[in-house]
Amino acid sequence: MKAATGEDMSDEDARALVASVDADGDGLLDEPEFLRLAGEVSADDEDEEKCRWLREAFSMYEMEGSGRITALSLKLMLGRLGAHRDIGECQAIICRFDLDGDGELSYDEFKTMMMMG
């Protein structure tokens, strides 16, 4: 898996990222846990260390090398996390935060989604 920095992210690193904010220890990020992760990043605060976790989370969802989250990559990642959704549901999720209307989420759109909760 590619991290937002362009470096390979191992499955072990991805699991460690999830575990770092997984308060209930179930191996998944529920909405409050994910928002806690994203809440460390504000729109005005682009500090590298604070943004690192959000970029890594984005990279977990962006699987196709395009730098964008597609409905398919969202479906695959949610499935890995045990939150199975059909492709139509994934398209609807993306549509809510797709500011430029291209049917995919850029990092900035993903960041907005996470900050809006």
PDB file of N, CA and C in Angstrom:
ATOM      1  N   MET A   1       0.849  -1.165   0.000  1.00  0.00           N
ATOM      2  CA  MET A   1       0.000   0.000   0.000  1.00  0.00           C
ATOM      3  C   MET A   1       0.898   1.232   0.000  1.00  0.00           C
ATOM      4  N   LYS A   2       0.519   2.261  -0.735  1.00  0.00           N
ATOM      5  CA  LYS A   2       1.292   3.493  -0.792  1.00  0.00           C
ATOM      6  C   LYS A   2       0.794   4.472   0.258  1.00  0.00           C
ATOM      7  N   ALA A   3       1.721   5.054   0.997  1.00  0.00           N
ATOM      8  CA  ALA A   3       1.381   6.122   1.939  1.00  0.00           C
ATOM      9  C   ALA A   3       1.273   7.421   1.167  1.00  0.00           C
ATOM     10  N   ALA A   4       0.713   8.437   1.786  1.00  0.00           N
ATOM     11  CA  ALA A   4       0.542   9.733   1.130  1.00  0.00           C
ATOM     12  C   ALA A   4       1.883  10.335   0.733  1.00  0.00           C
ATOM     13  N   THR A   5       2.943   9.925   1.382  1.00  0.00           N
ATOM     14  CA  THR A   5       4.267  10.438   1.065  1.00  0.00           C
ATOM     15  C   THR A   5       4.845   9.770  -0.175  1.00  0.00           C
ATOM     16  N   GLY A   6       4.152   8.780  -0.732  1.00  0.00           N
ATOM     17  CA  GLY A   6       4.631   8.056  -1.890  1.00  0.00           C
ATOM     18  C   GLY A   6       5.426   6.814  -1.529  1.00  0.00           C
ATOM     19  N   GLU A   7       5.680   6.628  -0.248  1.00  0.00           N
ATOM     20  CA  GLU A   7       6.418   5.462   0.211  1.00  0.00           C
ATOM     21  C   GLU A   7       5.448   4.318   0.453  1.00  0.00           C
ATOM     22  N   ASP A   8       5.966   3.086   0.338  1.00  0.00           N
ATOM     23  CA  ASP A   8       5.127   1.934   0.632  1.00  0.00           C
ATOM     24  C   ASP A   8       4.757   1.926   2.103  1.00  0.00           C
ATOM     25  N   MET A   9       3.502   1.591   2.370  1.00  0.00           N
ATOM     26  CA  MET A   9       3.018   1.448   3.743  1.00  0.00           C
ATOM     27  C   MET A   9       2.662  -0.016   3.916  1.00  0.00           C
ATOM     28  N   SER A  10       3.302  -0.652   4.848  1.00  0.00           N
ATOM     29  CA  SER A  10       3.039  -2.075   5.067  1.00  0.00           C
ATOM     30  C   SER A  10       1.687  -2.252   5.750  1.00  0.00           C
ATOM     31  N   ASP A  11       1.173  -3.468   5.660  1.00  0.00           N
ATOM     32  CA  ASP A  11      -0.064  -3.783   6.369  1.00  0.00           C
ATOM     33  C   ASP A  11       0.122  -3.573   7.866  1.00  0.00           C
ATOM     34  N   GLU A  12       1.334  -3.881   8.348  1.00  0.00           N
ATOM     35  CA  GLU A  12       1.630  -3.695   9.767  1.00  0.00           C
ATOM     36  C   GLU A  12       1.547  -2.213  10.150  1.00  0.00           C
ATOM     37  N   ASP A  13       2.075  -1.314   9.300  1.00  0.00           N
ATOM     38  CA  ASP A  13       1.993   0.124   9.558  1.00  0.00           C
ATOM     39  C   ASP A  13       0.546   0.600   9.520  1.00  0.00           C
ATOM     40  N   ALA A  14      -0.232   0.078   8.582  1.00  0.00           N
ATOM     41  CA  ALA A  14      -1.642   0.454   8.495  1.00  0.00           C
ATOM     42  C   ALA A  14      -2.383   0.010   9.753  1.00  0.00           C
ATOM     43  N   ARG A  15      -2.091  -1.208  10.220  1.00  0.00           N
ATOM     44  CA  ARG A  15      -2.725  -1.692  11.455  1.00  0.00           C
ATOM     45  C   ARG A  15      -2.296  -0.836  12.650  1.00  0.00           C
ATOM     46  N   ALA A  16      -1.024  -0.432  12.679  1.00  0.00           N
ATOM     47  CA  ALA A  16      -0.533   0.409  13.775  1.00  0.00           C
ATOM     48  C   ALA A  16      -1.223   1.769  13.767  1.00  0.00           C
ATOM     49  N   LEU A  17      -1.460   2.309  12.573  1.00  0.00           N
ATOM     50  CA  LEU A  17      -2.167   3.584  12.457  1.00  0.00           C
ATOM     51  C   LEU A  17      -3.574   3.461  13.034  1.00  0.00           C
ATOM     52  N   VAL A  18      -4.279   2.410  12.658  1.00  0.00           N
ATOM     53  CA  VAL A  18      -5.622   2.191  13.183  1.00  0.00           C
ATOM     54  C   VAL A  18      -5.559   2.003  14.700  1.00  0.00           C
ATOM     55  N   ALA A  19      -4.618   1.196  15.174  1.00  0.00           N
ATOM     56  CA  ALA A  19      -4.509   0.911  16.609  1.00  0.00           C
ATOM     57  C   ALA A  19      -4.203   2.171  17.417  1.00  0.00           C
ATOM     58  N   SER A  20      -3.512   3.139  16.818  1.00  0.00           N
ATOM     59  CA  SER A  20      -3.116   4.336  17.556  1.00  0.00           C
ATOM     60  C   SER A  20      -4.312   5.186  17.986  1.00  0.00           C
ATOM     61  N   VAL A  21      -5.445   5.049  17.322  1.00  0.00           N
ATOM     62  CA  VAL A  21      -6.635   5.820  17.696  1.00  0.00           C
ATOM     63  C   VAL A  21      -7.838   4.925  17.993  1.00  0.00           C
ATOM     64  N   ASP A  22      -7.623   3.634  18.033  1.00  0.00           N
ATOM     65  CA  ASP A  22      -8.695   2.665  18.262  1.00  0.00           C
ATOM     66  C   ASP A  22      -8.956   2.539  19.766  1.00  0.00           C
ATOM     67  N   ALA A  23      -9.754   3.448  20.304  1.00  0.00           N
ATOM     68  CA  ALA A  23      -9.978   3.531  21.746  1.00  0.00           C
ATOM     69  C   ALA A  23     -10.641   2.286  22.332  1.00  0.00           C
ATOM     70  N   ASP A  24     -11.543   1.666  21.580  1.00  0.00           N
ATOM     71  CA  ASP A  24     -12.252   0.501  22.120  1.00  0.00           C
ATOM     72  C   ASP A  24     -11.558  -0.823  21.798  1.00  0.00           C
ATOM     73  N   GLY A  25     -10.441  -0.764  21.062  1.00  0.00           N
ATOM     74  CA  GLY A  25      -9.645  -1.952  20.805  1.00  0.00           C
ATOM     75  C   GLY A  25     -10.282  -2.992  19.914  1.00  0.00           C
ATOM     76  N   ASP A  26     -11.275  -2.592  19.089  1.00  0.00           N
ATOM     77  CA  ASP A  26     -11.942  -3.569  18.238  1.00  0.00           C
ATOM     78  C   ASP A  26     -11.255  -3.766  16.883  1.00  0.00           C
ATOM     79  N   GLY A  27     -10.152  -3.044  16.650  1.00  0.00           N
ATOM     80  CA  GLY A  27      -9.424  -3.197  15.397  1.00  0.00           C
ATOM     81  C   GLY A  27      -9.993  -2.386  14.261  1.00  0.00           C
ATOM     82  N   LEU A  28     -11.026  -1.609  14.526  1.00  0.00           N
ATOM     83  CA  LEU A  28     -11.669  -0.777  13.515  1.00  0.00           C
ATOM     84  C   LEU A  28     -11.740   0.655  14.012  1.00  0.00           C
ATOM     85  N   LEU A  29     -11.859   1.597  13.080  1.00  0.00           N
ATOM     86  CA  LEU A  29     -12.074   2.985  13.462  1.00  0.00           C
ATOM     87  C   LEU A  29     -13.539   3.311  13.272  1.00  0.00           C
ATOM     88  N   ASP A  30     -14.227   3.542  14.384  1.00  0.00           N
ATOM     89  CA  ASP A  30     -15.596   4.014  14.242  1.00  0.00           C
ATOM     90  C   ASP A  30     -15.534   5.525  13.999  1.00  0.00           C
ATOM     91  N   GLU A  31     -16.661   6.132  13.764  1.00  0.00           N
ATOM     92  CA  GLU A  31     -16.671   7.549  13.401  1.00  0.00           C
ATOM     93  C   GLU A  31     -15.998   8.436  14.454  1.00  0.00           C
ATOM     94  N   PRO A  32     -16.312   8.307  15.746  1.00  0.00           N
ATOM     95  CA  PRO A  32     -15.653   9.174  16.730  1.00  0.00           C
ATOM     96  C   PRO A  32     -14.127   8.996  16.768  1.00  0.00           C
ATOM     97  N   GLU A  33     -13.665   7.754  16.613  1.00  0.00           N
ATOM     98  CA  GLU A  33     -12.223   7.506  16.626  1.00  0.00           C
ATOM     99  C   GLU A  33     -11.557   8.140  15.406  1.00  0.00           C
ATOM    100  N   PHE A  34     -12.189   7.981  14.248  1.00  0.00           N
ATOM    101  CA  PHE A  34     -11.608   8.563  13.033  1.00  0.00           C
ATOM    102  C   PHE A  34     -11.629  10.084  13.111  1.00  0.00           C
ATOM    103  N   LEU A  35     -12.699  10.641  13.641  1.00  0.00           N
ATOM    104  CA  LEU A  35     -12.778  12.091  13.780  1.00  0.00           C
ATOM    105  C   LEU A  35     -11.766  12.607  14.791  1.00  0.00           C
ATOM    106  N   ARG A  36     -11.483  11.821  15.819  1.00  0.00           N
ATOM    107  CA  ARG A  36     -10.448  12.198  16.774  1.00  0.00           C
ATOM    108  C   ARG A  36      -9.101  12.300  16.063  1.00  0.00           C
ATOM    109  N   LEU A  37      -8.827  11.343  15.200  1.00  0.00           N
ATOM    110  CA  LEU A  37      -7.604  11.370  14.404  1.00  0.00           C
ATOM    111  C   LEU A  37      -7.580  12.613  13.524  1.00  0.00           C
ATOM    112  N   ALA A  38      -8.663  12.861  12.826  1.00  0.00           N
ATOM    113  CA  ALA A  38      -8.730  14.009  11.927  1.00  0.00           C
ATOM    114  C   ALA A  38      -8.770  15.319  12.694  1.00  0.00           C
ATOM    115  N   GLY A  39      -9.322  15.315  13.913  1.00  0.00           N
ATOM    116  CA  GLY A  39      -9.443  16.539  14.698  1.00  0.00           C
ATOM    117  C   GLY A  39      -8.124  17.144  15.098  1.00  0.00           C
ATOM    118  N   GLU A  40      -7.048  16.366  15.009  1.00  0.00           N
ATOM    119  CA  GLU A  40      -5.737  16.902  15.321  1.00  0.00           C
ATOM    120  C   GLU A  40      -5.249  17.855  14.237  1.00  0.00           C
ATOM    121  N   VAL A  41      -5.949  17.876  13.121  1.00  0.00           N
ATOM    122  CA  VAL A  41      -5.541  18.699  11.990  1.00  0.00           C
ATOM    123  C   VAL A  41      -6.594  19.781  11.780  1.00  0.00           C
ATOM    124  N   SER A  42      -6.214  21.021  11.816  1.00  0.00           N
ATOM    125  CA  SER A  42      -7.151  22.105  11.522  1.00  0.00           C
ATOM    126  C   SER A  42      -6.845  22.664  10.146  1.00  0.00           C
ATOM    127  N   ALA A  43      -7.810  23.370   9.572  1.00  0.00           N
ATOM    128  CA  ALA A  43      -7.634  23.925   8.232  1.00  0.00           C
ATOM    129  C   ALA A  43      -6.474  24.908   8.181  1.00  0.00           C
ATOM    130  N   ASP A  44      -6.202  25.595   9.284  1.00  0.00           N
ATOM    131  CA  ASP A  44      -5.132  26.600   9.314  1.00  0.00           C
ATOM    132  C   ASP A  44      -3.800  26.026   9.763  1.00  0.00           C
ATOM    133  N   ASP A  45      -3.780  24.801  10.178  1.00  0.00           N
ATOM    134  CA  ASP A  45      -2.572  24.210  10.751  1.00  0.00           C
ATOM    135  C   ASP A  45      -2.050  23.098   9.864  1.00  0.00           C
ATOM    136  N   GLU A  46      -1.125  23.411   8.972  1.00  0.00           N
ATOM    137  CA  GLU A  46      -0.589  22.432   8.043  1.00  0.00           C
ATOM    138  C   GLU A  46       0.740  21.856   8.532  1.00  0.00           C
ATOM    139  N   ASP A  47       0.969  21.887   9.834  1.00  0.00           N
ATOM    140  CA  ASP A  47       2.176  21.335  10.420  1.00  0.00           C
ATOM    141  C   ASP A  47       2.340  19.880   9.973  1.00  0.00           C
ATOM    142  N   GLU A  48       3.505  19.537   9.492  1.00  0.00           N
ATOM    143  CA  GLU A  48       3.765  18.202   8.943  1.00  0.00           C
ATOM    144  C   GLU A  48       3.418  17.078   9.913  1.00  0.00           C
ATOM    145  N   GLU A  49       3.829  17.195  11.148  1.00  0.00           N
ATOM    146  CA  GLU A  49       3.588  16.114  12.099  1.00  0.00           C
ATOM    147  C   GLU A  49       2.094  15.907  12.347  1.00  0.00           C
ATOM    148  N   LYS A  50       1.352  16.978  12.485  1.00  0.00           N
ATOM    149  CA  LYS A  50      -0.079  16.860  12.748  1.00  0.00           C
ATOM    150  C   LYS A  50      -0.833  16.321  11.538  1.00  0.00           C
ATOM    151  N   CYS A  51      -0.382  16.651  10.341  1.00  0.00           N
ATOM    152  CA  CYS A  51      -1.069  16.194   9.127  1.00  0.00           C
ATOM    153  C   CYS A  51      -0.686  14.775   8.733  1.00  0.00           C
ATOM    154  N   ARG A  52       0.389  14.276   9.278  1.00  0.00           N
ATOM    155  CA  ARG A  52       0.900  12.962   8.884  1.00  0.00           C
ATOM    156  C   ARG A  52      -0.150  11.870   9.046  1.00  0.00           C
ATOM    157  N   TRP A  53      -0.854  11.859  10.164  1.00  0.00           N
ATOM    158  CA  TRP A  53      -1.836  10.809  10.405  1.00  0.00           C
ATOM    159  C   TRP A  53      -2.982  10.884   9.412  1.00  0.00           C
ATOM    160  N   LEU A  54      -3.436  12.079   9.108  1.00  0.00           N
ATOM    161  CA  LEU A  54      -4.534  12.217   8.153  1.00  0.00           C
ATOM    162  C   LEU A  54      -4.089  11.798   6.757  1.00  0.00           C
ATOM    163  N   ARG A  55      -2.857  12.159   6.369  1.00  0.00           N
ATOM    164  CA  ARG A  55      -2.343  11.736   5.053  1.00  0.00           C
ATOM    165  C   ARG A  55      -2.225  10.215   4.987  1.00  0.00           C
ATOM    166  N   GLU A  56      -1.787   9.602   6.086  1.00  0.00           N
ATOM    167  CA  GLU A  56      -1.677   8.139   6.099  1.00  0.00           C
ATOM    168  C   GLU A  56      -3.050   7.488   6.027  1.00  0.00           C
ATOM    169  N   ALA A  57      -4.021   8.063   6.706  1.00  0.00           N
ATOM    170  CA  ALA A  57      -5.385   7.533   6.620  1.00  0.00           C
ATOM    171  C   ALA A  57      -5.899   7.656   5.191  1.00  0.00           C
ATOM    172  N   PHE A  58      -5.645   8.799   4.557  1.00  0.00           N
ATOM    173  CA  PHE A  58      -6.055   8.997   3.163  1.00  0.00           C
ATOM    174  C   PHE A  58      -5.419   7.923   2.283  1.00  0.00           C
ATOM    175  N   SER A  59      -4.151   7.659   2.512  1.00  0.00           N
ATOM    176  CA  SER A  59      -3.456   6.681   1.669  1.00  0.00           C
ATOM    177  C   SER A  59      -4.013   5.276   1.828  1.00  0.00           C
ATOM    178  N   MET A  60      -4.618   4.986   2.972  1.00  0.00           N
ATOM    179  CA  MET A  60      -5.230   3.677   3.178  1.00  0.00           C
ATOM    180  C   MET A  60      -6.450   3.507   2.269  1.00  0.00           C
ATOM    181  N   TYR A  61      -7.142   4.602   1.992  1.00  0.00           N
ATOM    182  CA  TYR A  61      -8.340   4.566   1.145  1.00  0.00           C
ATOM    183  C   TYR A  61      -7.999   4.733  -0.328  1.00  0.00           C
ATOM    184  N   GLU A  62      -6.924   5.434  -0.631  1.00  0.00           N
ATOM    185  CA  GLU A  62      -6.518   5.690  -2.016  1.00  0.00           C
ATOM    186  C   GLU A  62      -5.637   4.525  -2.442  1.00  0.00           C
ATOM    187  N   MET A  63      -6.201   3.590  -3.188  1.00  0.00           N
ATOM    188  CA  MET A  63      -5.489   2.348  -3.496  1.00  0.00           C
ATOM    189  C   MET A  63      -5.074   2.224  -4.946  1.00  0.00           C
ATOM    190  N   GLU A  64      -5.534   3.104  -5.790  1.00  0.00           N
ATOM    191  CA  GLU A  64      -5.337   2.907  -7.222  1.00  0.00           C
ATOM    192  C   GLU A  64      -4.185   3.725  -7.791  1.00  0.00           C
ATOM    193  N   GLY A  65      -3.434   4.419  -6.932  1.00  0.00           N
ATOM    194  CA  GLY A  65      -2.287   5.184  -7.385  1.00  0.00           C
ATOM    195  C   GLY A  65      -2.626   6.503  -8.044  1.00  0.00           C
ATOM    196  N   SER A  66      -3.879   6.917  -7.974  1.00  0.00           N
ATOM    197  CA  SER A  66      -4.293   8.146  -8.643  1.00  0.00           C
ATOM    198  C   SER A  66      -4.215   9.362  -7.731  1.00  0.00           C
ATOM    199  N   GLY A  67      -3.984   9.150  -6.430  1.00  0.00           N
ATOM    200  CA  GLY A  67      -3.989  10.253  -5.484  1.00  0.00           C
ATOM    201  C   GLY A  67      -5.392  10.713  -5.149  1.00  0.00           C
ATOM    202  N   ARG A  68      -6.381   9.879  -5.454  1.00  0.00           N
ATOM    203  CA  ARG A  68      -7.775  10.211  -5.213  1.00  0.00           C
ATOM    204  C   ARG A  68      -8.488   8.965  -4.698  1.00  0.00           C
ATOM    205  N   ILE A  69      -9.542   9.167  -3.923  1.00  0.00           N
ATOM    206  CA  ILE A  69     -10.345   8.053  -3.423  1.00  0.00           C
ATOM    207  C   ILE A  69     -11.520   7.875  -4.373  1.00  0.00           C
ATOM    208  N   THR A  70     -11.609   6.695  -4.952  1.00  0.00           N
ATOM    209  CA  THR A  70     -12.720   6.371  -5.847  1.00  0.00           C
ATOM    210  C   THR A  70     -13.763   5.573  -5.077  1.00  0.00           C
ATOM    211  N   ALA A  71     -14.924   5.416  -5.655  1.00  0.00           N
ATOM    212  CA  ALA A  71     -15.968   4.610  -5.017  1.00  0.00           C
ATOM    213  C   ALA A  71     -15.470   3.177  -4.795  1.00  0.00           C
ATOM    214  N   LEU A  72     -14.727   2.638  -5.765  1.00  0.00           N
ATOM    215  CA  LEU A  72     -14.208   1.279  -5.625  1.00  0.00           C
ATOM    216  C   LEU A  72     -13.185   1.185  -4.496  1.00  0.00           C
ATOM    217  N   SER A  73     -12.244   2.137  -4.422  1.00  0.00           N
ATOM    218  CA  SER A  73     -11.239   2.063  -3.358  1.00  0.00           C
ATOM    219  C   SER A  73     -11.884   2.265  -1.989  1.00  0.00           C
ATOM    220  N   LEU A  74     -12.903   3.115  -1.899  1.00  0.00           N
ATOM    221  CA  LEU A  74     -13.627   3.303  -0.645  1.00  0.00           C
ATOM    222  C   LEU A  74     -14.329   2.007  -0.253  1.00  0.00           C
ATOM    223  N   LYS A  75     -14.986   1.361  -1.211  1.00  0.00           N
ATOM    224  CA  LYS A  75     -15.668   0.088  -0.960  1.00  0.00           C
ATOM    225  C   LYS A  75     -14.692  -0.968  -0.450  1.00  0.00           C
ATOM    226  N   LEU A  76     -13.529  -1.072  -1.088  1.00  0.00           N
ATOM    227  CA  LEU A  76     -12.533  -2.066  -0.696  1.00  0.00           C
ATOM    228  C   LEU A  76     -12.015  -1.817   0.713  1.00  0.00           C
ATOM    229  N   MET A  77     -11.694  -0.554   1.030  1.00  0.00           N
ATOM    230  CA  MET A  77     -11.148  -0.250   2.348  1.00  0.00           C
ATOM    231  C   MET A  77     -12.203  -0.430   3.431  1.00  0.00           C
ATOM    232  N   LEU A  78     -13.408   0.029   3.189  1.00  0.00           N
ATOM    233  CA  LEU A  78     -14.468  -0.169   4.174  1.00  0.00           C
ATOM    234  C   LEU A  78     -14.696  -1.664   4.418  1.00  0.00           C
ATOM    235  N   GLY A  79     -14.620  -2.459   3.352  1.00  0.00           N
ATOM    236  CA  GLY A  79     -14.751  -3.906   3.502  1.00  0.00           C
ATOM    237  C   GLY A  79     -13.658  -4.488   4.374  1.00  0.00           C
ATOM    238  N   ARG A  80     -12.418  -4.007   4.183  1.00  0.00           N
ATOM    239  CA  ARG A  80     -11.304  -4.463   5.022  1.00  0.00           C
ATOM    240  C   ARG A  80     -11.529  -4.117   6.484  1.00  0.00           C
ATOM    241  N   LEU A  81     -12.217  -3.006   6.715  1.00  0.00           N
ATOM    242  CA  LEU A  81     -12.475  -2.557   8.081  1.00  0.00           C
ATOM    243  C   LEU A  81     -13.751  -3.149   8.659  1.00  0.00           C
ATOM    244  N   GLY A  82     -14.424  -4.007   7.886  1.00  0.00           N
ATOM    245  CA  GLY A  82     -15.623  -4.669   8.361  1.00  0.00           C
ATOM    246  C   GLY A  82     -16.904  -3.873   8.176  1.00  0.00           C
ATOM    247  N   ALA A  83     -16.834  -2.761   7.445  1.00  0.00           N
ATOM    248  CA  ALA A  83     -18.011  -1.915   7.200  1.00  0.00           C
ATOM    249  C   ALA A  83     -18.393  -2.048   5.729  1.00  0.00           C
ATOM    250  N   HIS A  84     -18.934  -3.185   5.365  1.00  0.00           N
ATOM    251  CA  HIS A  84     -19.240  -3.491   3.968  1.00  0.00           C
ATOM    252  C   HIS A  84     -20.340  -2.579   3.425  1.00  0.00           C
ATOM    253  N   ARG A  85     -20.065  -1.959   2.294  1.00  0.00           N
ATOM    254  CA  ARG A  85     -21.012  -1.082   1.601  1.00  0.00           C
ATOM    255  C   ARG A  85     -21.023  -1.476   0.133  1.00  0.00           C
ATOM    256  N   ASP A  86     -22.167  -1.304  -0.539  1.00  0.00           N
ATOM    257  CA  ASP A  86     -22.182  -1.563  -1.976  1.00  0.00           C
ATOM    258  C   ASP A  86     -21.646  -0.320  -2.697  1.00  0.00           C
ATOM    259  N   ILE A  87     -21.373  -0.474  -3.962  1.00  0.00           N
ATOM    260  CA  ILE A  87     -20.738   0.602  -4.733  1.00  0.00           C
ATOM    261  C   ILE A  87     -21.612   1.855  -4.779  1.00  0.00           C
ATOM    262  N   GLY A  88     -22.936   1.681  -4.805  1.00  0.00           N
ATOM    263  CA  GLY A  88     -23.845   2.831  -4.805  1.00  0.00           C
ATOM    264  C   GLY A  88     -23.746   3.634  -3.518  1.00  0.00           C
ATOM    265  N   GLU A  89     -23.643   2.940  -2.389  1.00  0.00           N
ATOM    266  CA  GLU A  89     -23.475   3.630  -1.112  1.00  0.00           C
ATOM    267  C   GLU A  89     -22.158   4.394  -1.071  1.00  0.00           C
ATOM    268  N   CYS A  90     -21.112   3.798  -1.624  1.00  0.00           N
ATOM    269  CA  CYS A  90     -19.807   4.454  -1.652  1.00  0.00           C
ATOM    270  C   CYS A  90     -19.838   5.689  -2.550  1.00  0.00           C
ATOM    271  N   GLN A  91     -20.537   5.591  -3.676  1.00  0.00           N
ATOM    272  CA  GLN A  91     -20.674   6.753  -4.546  1.00  0.00           C
ATOM    273  C   GLN A  91     -21.425   7.872  -3.828  1.00  0.00           C
ATOM    274  N   ALA A  92     -22.440   7.522  -3.048  1.00  0.00           N
ATOM    275  CA  ALA A  92     -23.213   8.521  -2.302  1.00  0.00           C
ATOM    276  C   ALA A  92     -22.352   9.204  -1.235  1.00  0.00           C
ATOM    277  N   ILE A  93     -21.515   8.427  -0.551  1.00  0.00           N
ATOM    278  CA  ILE A  93     -20.609   8.992   0.449  1.00  0.00           C
ATOM    279  C   ILE A  93     -19.675   9.999  -0.207  1.00  0.00           C
ATOM    280  N   ILE A  94     -19.090   9.604  -1.325  1.00  0.00           N
ATOM    281  CA  ILE A  94     -18.165  10.487  -2.038  1.00  0.00           C
ATOM    282  C   ILE A  94     -18.879  11.729  -2.526  1.00  0.00           C
ATOM    283  N   CYS A  95     -20.076  11.569  -3.054  1.00  0.00           N
ATOM    284  CA  CYS A  95     -20.840  12.690  -3.611  1.00  0.00           C
ATOM    285  C   CYS A  95     -21.048  13.804  -2.585  1.00  0.00           C
ATOM    286  N   ARG A  96     -21.243  13.444  -1.334  1.00  0.00           N
ATOM    287  CA  ARG A  96     -21.486  14.446  -0.284  1.00  0.00           C
ATOM    288  C   ARG A  96     -20.318  15.410  -0.117  1.00  0.00           C
ATOM    289  N   PHE A  97     -19.095  14.971  -0.411  1.00  0.00           N
ATOM    290  CA  PHE A  97     -17.909  15.790  -0.151  1.00  0.00           C
ATOM    291  C   PHE A  97     -17.094  16.076  -1.409  1.00  0.00           C
ATOM    292  N   ASP A  98     -17.590  15.675  -2.554  1.00  0.00           N
ATOM    293  CA  ASP A  98     -16.903  15.857  -3.837  1.00  0.00           C
ATOM    294  C   ASP A  98     -17.121  17.292  -4.319  1.00  0.00           C
ATOM    295  N   LEU A  99     -16.270  18.196  -3.878  1.00  0.00           N
ATOM    296  CA  LEU A  99     -16.458  19.618  -4.146  1.00  0.00           C
ATOM    297  C   LEU A  99     -16.281  19.995  -5.603  1.00  0.00           C
ATOM    298  N   ASP A 100     -15.433  19.270  -6.333  1.00  0.00           N
ATOM    299  CA  ASP A 100     -15.214  19.621  -7.743  1.00  0.00           C
ATOM    300  C   ASP A 100     -16.065  18.789  -8.703  1.00  0.00           C
ATOM    301  N   GLY A 101     -16.875  17.869  -8.171  1.00  0.00           N
ATOM    302  CA  GLY A 101     -17.822  17.120  -8.981  1.00  0.00           C
ATOM    303  C   GLY A 101     -17.233  16.079  -9.907  1.00  0.00           C
ATOM    304  N   ASP A 102     -16.004  15.612  -9.623  1.00  0.00           N
ATOM    305  CA  ASP A 102     -15.379  14.627 -10.514  1.00  0.00           C
ATOM    306  C   ASP A 102     -15.669  13.182 -10.121  1.00  0.00           C
ATOM    307  N   GLY A 103     -16.447  12.977  -9.046  1.00  0.00           N
ATOM    308  CA  GLY A 103     -16.805  11.625  -8.629  1.00  0.00           C
ATOM    309  C   GLY A 103     -15.769  10.931  -7.778  1.00  0.00           C
ATOM    310  N   GLU A 104     -14.734  11.651  -7.378  1.00  0.00           N
ATOM    311  CA  GLU A 104     -13.664  11.111  -6.548  1.00  0.00           C
ATOM    312  C   GLU A 104     -13.325  12.121  -5.459  1.00  0.00           C
ATOM    313  N   LEU A 105     -12.620  11.658  -4.423  1.00  0.00           N
ATOM    314  CA  LEU A 105     -12.193  12.561  -3.365  1.00  0.00           C
ATOM    315  C   LEU A 105     -10.702  12.807  -3.442  1.00  0.00           C
ATOM    316  N   SER A 106     -10.326  14.063  -3.531  1.00  0.00           N
ATOM    317  CA  SER A 106      -8.924  14.446  -3.422  1.00  0.00           C
ATOM    318  C   SER A 106      -8.552  14.463  -1.942  1.00  0.00           C
ATOM    319  N   TYR A 107      -7.277  14.647  -1.646  1.00  0.00           N
ATOM    320  CA  TYR A 107      -6.855  14.740  -0.249  1.00  0.00           C
ATOM    321  C   TYR A 107      -7.581  15.891   0.445  1.00  0.00           C
ATOM    322  N   ASP A 108      -7.673  17.046  -0.203  1.00  0.00           N
ATOM    323  CA  ASP A 108      -8.325  18.208   0.415  1.00  0.00           C
ATOM    324  C   ASP A 108      -9.809  17.941   0.680  1.00  0.00           C
ATOM    325  N   GLU A 109     -10.485  17.256  -0.241  1.00  0.00           N
ATOM    326  CA  GLU A 109     -11.890  16.911  -0.037  1.00  0.00           C
ATOM    327  C   GLU A 109     -12.032  15.903   1.099  1.00  0.00           C
ATOM    328  N   PHE A 110     -11.122  14.933   1.167  1.00  0.00           N
ATOM    329  CA  PHE A 110     -11.102  13.949   2.256  1.00  0.00           C
ATOM    330  C   PHE A 110     -10.896  14.650   3.594  1.00  0.00           C
ATOM    331  N   LYS A 111      -9.958  15.580   3.623  1.00  0.00           N
ATOM    332  CA  LYS A 111      -9.661  16.331   4.838  1.00  0.00           C
ATOM    333  C   LYS A 111     -10.908  17.115   5.286  1.00  0.00           C
ATOM    334  N   THR A 112     -11.579  17.747   4.346  1.00  0.00           N
ATOM    335  CA  THR A 112     -12.805  18.478   4.649  1.00  0.00           C
ATOM    336  C   THR A 112     -13.849  17.537   5.228  1.00  0.00           C
ATOM    337  N   MET A 113     -14.001  16.370   4.621  1.00  0.00           N
ATOM    338  CA  MET A 113     -14.962  15.378   5.092  1.00  0.00           C
ATOM    339  C   MET A 113     -14.651  14.986   6.541  1.00  0.00           C
ATOM    340  N   MET A 114     -13.394  14.731   6.837  1.00  0.00           N
ATOM    341  CA  MET A 114     -13.020  14.299   8.179  1.00  0.00           C
ATOM    342  C   MET A 114     -13.202  15.412   9.200  1.00  0.00           C
ATOM    343  N   MET A 115     -12.993  16.643   8.805  1.00  0.00           N
ATOM    344  CA  MET A 115     -13.108  17.771   9.739  1.00  0.00           C
ATOM    345  C   MET A 115     -14.567  18.151   9.968  1.00  0.00           C
ATOM    346  N   MET A 116     -15.428  17.876   9.010  1.00  0.00           N
ATOM    347  CA  MET A 116     -16.834  18.206   9.164  1.00  0.00           C
ATOM    348  C   MET A 116     -17.567  17.172  10.004  1.00  0.00           C
ATOM    349  N   GLY A 117     -17.027  15.967  10.008  1.00  0.00           N
ATOM    350  CA  GLY A 117     -17.629  14.909  10.807  1.00  0.00           C
ATOM    351  C   GLY A 117     -18.973  14.563  10.326  1.00  0.00           C
TER     352      GLY A 117
END
